Protein backbone atom coordinates (compact mmCIF):
# COMPACT_ATOMS: atom_id res chain seq x y z
CA MET A 1 21.13 -83.50 -66.65
CA SER A 2 19.54 -85.96 -64.18
CA LYS A 3 15.89 -85.60 -63.10
CA PHE A 4 17.08 -84.97 -59.47
CA VAL A 5 19.44 -82.14 -60.49
CA GLN A 6 16.58 -80.57 -62.74
CA THR A 7 14.13 -80.91 -59.69
CA ASN A 8 16.80 -79.17 -57.45
CA ASN A 9 17.47 -76.46 -59.70
CA HIS A 10 13.71 -75.66 -60.16
CA LEU A 11 13.24 -75.60 -56.38
CA MET A 12 16.42 -73.33 -56.04
CA LYS A 13 14.98 -71.03 -58.53
CA LYS A 14 11.66 -70.82 -56.66
CA LEU A 15 13.44 -70.17 -53.37
CA LEU A 16 15.47 -67.49 -54.78
CA TYR A 17 12.46 -65.97 -56.31
CA LEU A 18 10.60 -66.02 -52.92
CA ILE A 19 13.54 -64.40 -51.16
CA LEU A 20 13.77 -61.68 -53.81
CA LEU A 21 10.02 -61.14 -53.58
CA CYS A 22 9.99 -60.87 -49.79
CA ALA A 23 13.13 -58.90 -49.18
CA PRO A 24 11.80 -55.51 -50.02
CA SER A 25 8.86 -55.83 -47.72
CA VAL A 26 11.07 -57.01 -44.71
CA CYS A 27 13.26 -53.96 -45.43
CA PHE A 28 10.27 -51.57 -45.72
CA ALA A 29 8.80 -53.03 -42.35
CA GLN A 30 12.16 -52.43 -40.68
CA GLU A 31 12.52 -48.83 -41.99
CA ALA A 32 8.82 -48.05 -40.99
CA ASN A 33 9.53 -48.99 -37.40
CA LYS A 34 12.04 -46.19 -37.04
CA ASN A 35 8.93 -43.75 -37.59
CA VAL A 36 6.91 -45.40 -34.89
CA THR A 37 6.75 -44.64 -31.15
CA PHE A 38 4.51 -46.10 -28.42
CA LEU A 39 2.66 -43.84 -25.93
CA ASN A 40 1.27 -44.69 -22.53
CA PRO A 41 0.31 -41.51 -20.66
CA SER A 42 0.24 -41.57 -16.77
CA THR A 43 -3.00 -39.61 -17.18
CA VAL A 44 -4.74 -42.95 -18.30
CA GLY A 45 -4.94 -46.16 -16.56
CA LYS A 46 -2.01 -48.54 -16.99
CA PRO A 47 -2.55 -50.75 -20.04
CA PHE A 48 -1.67 -54.56 -19.59
CA GLY A 49 -0.32 -56.17 -22.79
CA TYR A 50 -0.91 -53.28 -25.11
CA SER A 51 -0.12 -49.68 -25.57
CA HIS A 52 -2.73 -46.98 -25.36
CA ALA A 53 -1.39 -45.40 -28.64
CA VAL A 54 1.07 -45.74 -31.39
CA ILE A 55 2.39 -42.49 -33.02
CA VAL A 56 3.37 -42.75 -36.67
CA ASP A 57 5.64 -39.88 -37.89
CA LEU A 58 4.24 -38.82 -41.30
CA GLY A 59 6.80 -36.01 -41.97
CA LYS A 60 4.97 -32.68 -41.46
CA ASN A 61 2.19 -34.55 -39.36
CA LYS A 62 1.99 -37.50 -36.91
CA MET A 63 -0.83 -39.89 -36.83
CA VAL A 64 -1.95 -41.20 -33.36
CA ILE A 65 -3.70 -44.55 -33.45
CA MET A 66 -5.38 -45.22 -30.15
CA SER A 67 -6.37 -48.52 -28.68
CA GLY A 68 -10.07 -48.80 -27.84
CA GLN A 69 -10.79 -46.83 -24.71
CA VAL A 70 -13.29 -47.98 -22.00
CA GLY A 71 -14.76 -46.10 -19.07
CA LEU A 72 -11.89 -46.96 -16.76
CA ASP A 73 -10.22 -44.05 -15.05
CA GLN A 74 -6.63 -43.37 -14.19
CA ALA A 75 -6.65 -45.66 -11.23
CA GLY A 76 -8.31 -48.46 -13.31
CA LYS A 77 -11.74 -47.98 -11.59
CA LEU A 78 -14.91 -48.18 -13.68
CA ALA A 79 -16.63 -44.83 -14.00
CA GLY A 80 -20.51 -45.53 -13.55
CA ASN A 81 -21.38 -49.24 -13.25
CA GLY A 82 -24.43 -49.65 -15.54
CA ASP A 83 -24.25 -45.91 -16.56
CA LEU A 84 -23.61 -45.34 -20.18
CA ALA A 85 -23.27 -41.52 -19.76
CA SER A 86 -20.59 -41.86 -17.01
CA GLN A 87 -18.52 -44.44 -18.90
CA THR A 88 -18.81 -42.44 -22.15
CA GLU A 89 -17.67 -39.36 -20.41
CA GLN A 90 -14.63 -41.20 -18.96
CA VAL A 91 -13.92 -42.73 -22.47
CA PHE A 92 -13.63 -39.20 -24.04
CA THR A 93 -11.61 -38.06 -21.05
CA ASN A 94 -9.10 -40.81 -21.74
CA ILE A 95 -9.01 -40.11 -25.39
CA LYS A 96 -8.46 -36.32 -24.72
CA ASN A 97 -5.63 -37.14 -22.48
CA ILE A 98 -3.93 -39.38 -24.96
CA VAL A 99 -4.23 -36.77 -27.73
CA GLU A 100 -2.97 -34.06 -25.51
CA ALA A 101 -0.01 -36.25 -24.35
CA ALA A 102 0.78 -36.65 -28.09
CA GLY A 103 0.88 -32.79 -28.53
CA GLY A 104 -2.58 -32.35 -30.15
CA THR A 105 -6.09 -31.39 -29.28
CA MET A 106 -9.38 -32.90 -29.66
CA ASN A 107 -9.80 -30.84 -32.92
CA ASP A 108 -7.07 -33.23 -34.41
CA LEU A 109 -9.45 -36.31 -34.19
CA VAL A 110 -10.09 -37.80 -37.66
CA GLU A 111 -11.88 -40.87 -36.74
CA LEU A 112 -13.89 -42.57 -34.04
CA ASN A 113 -15.12 -46.12 -33.94
CA TYR A 114 -17.79 -46.94 -31.44
CA TYR A 115 -18.49 -50.47 -29.99
CA ILE A 116 -21.58 -50.22 -27.82
CA ILE A 117 -23.80 -52.92 -26.04
CA ASP A 118 -27.07 -50.99 -26.93
CA ALA A 119 -27.05 -48.84 -30.05
CA SER A 120 -30.51 -47.46 -29.20
CA GLN A 121 -28.67 -45.27 -26.59
CA VAL A 122 -26.50 -43.63 -29.40
CA GLN A 123 -27.99 -40.18 -28.54
CA VAL A 124 -26.40 -40.33 -25.05
CA VAL A 125 -23.03 -41.00 -26.49
CA ARG A 126 -23.57 -38.18 -29.20
CA ASN A 127 -24.47 -35.63 -26.57
CA ILE A 128 -21.26 -36.37 -24.70
CA ARG A 129 -19.08 -36.64 -27.89
CA ASP A 130 -20.30 -33.19 -29.01
CA ARG A 131 -18.80 -31.57 -25.83
CA TYR A 132 -15.29 -32.75 -26.99
CA VAL A 133 -15.20 -32.75 -30.80
CA ASN A 134 -15.43 -30.17 -33.54
CA THR A 135 -19.07 -30.58 -34.38
CA LYS A 136 -18.75 -28.45 -37.48
CA GLN A 137 -16.22 -30.85 -39.00
CA PRO A 138 -16.84 -33.99 -36.82
CA PRO A 139 -14.38 -36.95 -37.26
CA ALA A 140 -15.33 -40.02 -39.56
CA SER A 141 -16.99 -42.67 -37.38
CA THR A 142 -18.54 -46.14 -37.31
CA LEU A 143 -20.78 -47.48 -34.82
CA VAL A 144 -21.28 -51.15 -34.08
CA GLN A 145 -23.50 -52.84 -31.69
CA VAL A 146 -21.91 -55.71 -29.94
CA SER A 147 -23.33 -58.37 -27.61
CA LYS A 148 -20.48 -58.16 -25.11
CA LEU A 149 -17.17 -56.24 -24.67
CA PHE A 150 -14.22 -57.72 -22.76
CA ARG A 151 -16.03 -57.40 -19.28
CA ASP A 152 -19.64 -57.60 -18.49
CA ASP A 153 -19.82 -54.26 -16.87
CA ILE A 154 -18.16 -52.21 -19.84
CA LEU A 155 -20.98 -50.81 -21.94
CA ILE A 156 -18.97 -48.78 -24.66
CA GLU A 157 -15.37 -48.95 -26.15
CA ILE A 158 -14.32 -46.15 -28.55
CA LYS A 159 -11.26 -46.39 -30.82
CA ALA A 160 -9.76 -43.14 -31.97
CA THR A 161 -7.22 -41.75 -34.65
CA ALA A 162 -5.80 -38.26 -34.64
CA VAL A 163 -3.49 -36.50 -37.06
CA ILE A 164 -1.50 -33.82 -35.49
CA LYS A 165 0.45 -31.12 -37.31
CA LYS A 166 4.08 -31.11 -36.00
CA LYS A 167 5.08 -27.79 -34.49
């Protein structure tokens, strides 16, 4: 067999192996999308270039993965310029509206990720959070201090995940 034919056979085997290796993941990705819906409730400001939430069907439950929420109200107006408490209150209102639009309650929250400009003010955030979440079994959480969010007047962003039992 010529060296050219041997090289081509070797390349064809590698290509076939790569196709066989990737095919199951492509099929799985397509199948998983059948169980995903996108949610943009009218009670939260209109998103531009993203969805407020993605709902993943888990069988007996559904997982609601929310985009980071900031202190913008339904009309897109900032709640409390320079006021962390007002912005945090609006963030939790947005999260509550999304969870309820997905058929759940704030007791269904399982995770909160906080991105805040000044972590020394975390108690302000906790005081507001505690009015919205189950404080006996609070969601898992992460707090990260950041130097800036997407706008200079935004002081906090919170990303949330809920798991809601299907009815």
